[in-house]
Amino acid sequence: MPKNPLKLIIAGLASLYFLWCAWSMQWHFIDGVNLLIHEAGHVVFRPFGEVLMIAGGSLFQVIMPLIFVGYFVRQKQYFSAALVLFWVGESILYVAIYAGDSLALQLPLVGGEDVIHDWNYLLGRYGMLKQTAKIAGLIRFVGTLVILSAVVWSIKASLTEDAEEVASYTQQPDTPWWMK
């Protein structure tokens, strides 16, 4: 019996949702968040030149949830880290869809018709447009592997509550110096 059955239920529901995301190539609820972070990434990477500014959208939308995974790991909150890892995988899937559109140019872009399609620009610049399907497939494969890793990790974390994690929840705060 799991130490916290609610965690196992949450892990199961998250697994089902994100595996569905990996299976279906349509817009998902979390993609709205990914889009905002993607657009912010262009601004964050702007000081590093044109190529990184354009790649920065896709980079940032993967880096941002990875930062949260790192935060939770550092706090020894492994179940939370595993749940956020689902977001990392789904964000990578979102990048795969965008990369896969670099030839067809069918996706609606923020800013209208006169904006640059990031992946068309990047793959075109490096003479890789003919490899669009392979590149998008590889990115999708990585995203799916990350989601599968999150499935395993979240279920494992829900079944084995780490002693350090329990201590972090139950630990009483230190008495401030002025109350000693």
Foldseek 3Di string as FASTA:
>chain_A
DAPDVVLLVVLVVLLVVLVVLLVDLDDDPCVVVLQVQLQVQLVVQVVVDDLSSLCRSLVRSLVVLVVVLVVCVVLVVQLSSLSSLSSNLSSLLVVLSLLLCLVVVPDADPPGDPDDSSNVVNCVVVVNPVCSVVVSVVSSVVSSVSSVVSSVSSNVCRRDPDPSNVCSVPPDDDDDPVVD
